């Protein structure tokens, strides 16, 4: 897995500060409910199209935790594929 130039450790979504963890294996991603642990986990290589989609998917959950899974899944795939086609990638160090 390629390293981010400056790995992010936290990010705020909708007024809640989340701890960001990118791990080499596991489920694709997990987002805790606001007010609980508030951790966003990405276990897919973020420099792949699937990794980009996973990051968007979990960020959407963090932004609006009560949004239906089917809506989050559809939107994250559409946005992720669009950004991938535009050339969004993590730059090598």
Protein backbone atom coordinates (compact mmCIF):
# COMPACT_ATOMS: atom_id res chain seq x y z
CA UNK A 1 0.00 0.00 0.00
CA UNK A 2 1.34 3.40 -0.90
CA UNK A 3 1.67 5.92 1.89
CA UNK A 4 -0.14 9.24 1.86
CA UNK A 5 2.25 12.17 1.58
CA UNK A 6 1.06 13.48 4.95
CA UNK A 7 -1.28 10.94 6.54
CA UNK A 8 -4.38 12.48 8.04
CA UNK A 9 -5.19 11.49 11.61
CA UNK A 10 -8.52 13.25 12.12
CA UNK A 11 -11.21 14.98 10.10
CA UNK A 12 -14.46 16.68 11.07
CA UNK A 13 -17.71 15.69 9.40
CA UNK A 14 -20.89 17.59 10.23
CA UNK A 15 -19.42 18.93 13.47
CA UNK A 16 -18.02 15.60 14.70
CA UNK A 17 -14.27 14.99 14.81
CA UNK A 18 -13.41 11.49 13.57
CA UNK A 19 -10.18 9.58 14.04
CA UNK A 20 -9.08 8.33 10.60
CA UNK A 21 -7.43 4.92 10.33
CA UNK A 22 -6.21 3.38 7.09
CA UNK A 23 -5.30 -0.28 7.64
CA UNK A 24 -3.90 -2.90 5.26
CA UNK A 25 -6.68 -5.49 5.65
CA UNK A 26 -10.14 -6.17 6.99
CA UNK A 27 -13.60 -5.13 5.90
CA UNK A 28 -13.68 -2.39 3.27
CA UNK A 29 -14.55 0.34 5.74
CA UNK A 30 -16.42 1.22 8.90
CA UNK A 31 -17.81 4.47 10.23
CA UNK A 32 -18.89 4.77 13.86
CA UNK A 33 -22.10 6.52 14.81
CA UNK A 34 -21.63 10.15 15.87
CA UNK A 35 -21.30 10.52 19.63
CA UNK A 36 -19.69 7.12 20.05
CA UNK A 37 -16.06 6.21 19.24
CA UNK A 38 -16.15 8.38 16.11
CA UNK A 39 -13.59 6.44 14.10
CA UNK A 40 -13.62 6.11 10.34
CA UNK A 41 -11.75 3.00 9.16
CA UNK A 42 -10.64 2.38 5.58
CA UNK A 43 -9.26 -1.10 4.95
CA UNK A 44 -8.94 -0.85 1.17
CA UNK A 45 -5.88 0.58 -0.59
CA UNK A 46 -6.84 4.25 -1.00
CA UNK A 47 -4.84 4.46 -4.24
CA UNK A 48 -7.28 2.17 -6.07
CA UNK A 49 -10.70 2.98 -7.47
CA UNK A 50 -12.29 0.74 -4.82
CA UNK A 51 -10.29 2.49 -2.11
CA UNK A 52 -11.47 5.90 -3.33
CA UNK A 53 -15.07 4.65 -3.38
CA UNK A 54 -14.66 3.23 0.16
CA UNK A 55 -13.26 6.53 1.46
CA UNK A 56 -16.17 8.45 -0.09
CA UNK A 57 -18.67 5.89 1.22
CA UNK A 58 -17.45 6.14 4.82
CA UNK A 59 -17.16 9.94 4.62
CA UNK A 60 -20.79 10.08 3.49
CA UNK A 61 -21.80 7.99 6.52
CA UNK A 62 -19.85 10.33 8.79
CA UNK A 63 -21.52 13.36 7.21
CA UNK A 64 -25.05 11.94 7.49
CA UNK A 65 -25.10 8.75 9.55
CA UNK A 66 -28.84 8.17 9.08
CA UNK A 67 -28.75 8.13 5.28
CA UNK A 68 -29.90 4.81 3.81
CA UNK A 69 -27.10 2.36 2.98
CA UNK A 70 -28.37 1.90 -0.58
CA UNK A 71 -28.23 5.66 -1.20
CA UNK A 72 -24.72 5.96 0.28
CA UNK A 73 -23.53 2.98 -1.75
CA UNK A 74 -24.95 4.28 -5.04
CA UNK A 75 -23.68 7.84 -4.55
CA UNK A 76 -20.21 6.81 -3.39
CA UNK A 77 -19.77 4.53 -6.41
CA UNK A 78 -20.96 7.22 -8.83
CA UNK A 79 -18.72 9.90 -7.29
CA UNK A 80 -15.73 7.57 -6.88
CA UNK A 81 -15.82 6.36 -10.47
CA UNK A 82 -16.26 9.94 -11.70
CA UNK A 83 -13.23 11.20 -9.70
CA UNK A 84 -11.18 8.15 -10.79
CA UNK A 85 -11.97 8.89 -14.45
CA UNK A 86 -10.87 12.51 -13.86
CA UNK A 87 -7.49 11.17 -12.71
CA UNK A 88 -7.63 11.57 -8.92
CA UNK A 89 -4.82 9.50 -7.39
CA UNK A 90 -2.52 9.64 -4.39
CA UNK A 91 0.83 11.08 -5.46
CA UNK A 92 3.96 9.07 -4.74
CA UNK A 93 6.35 10.55 -2.20
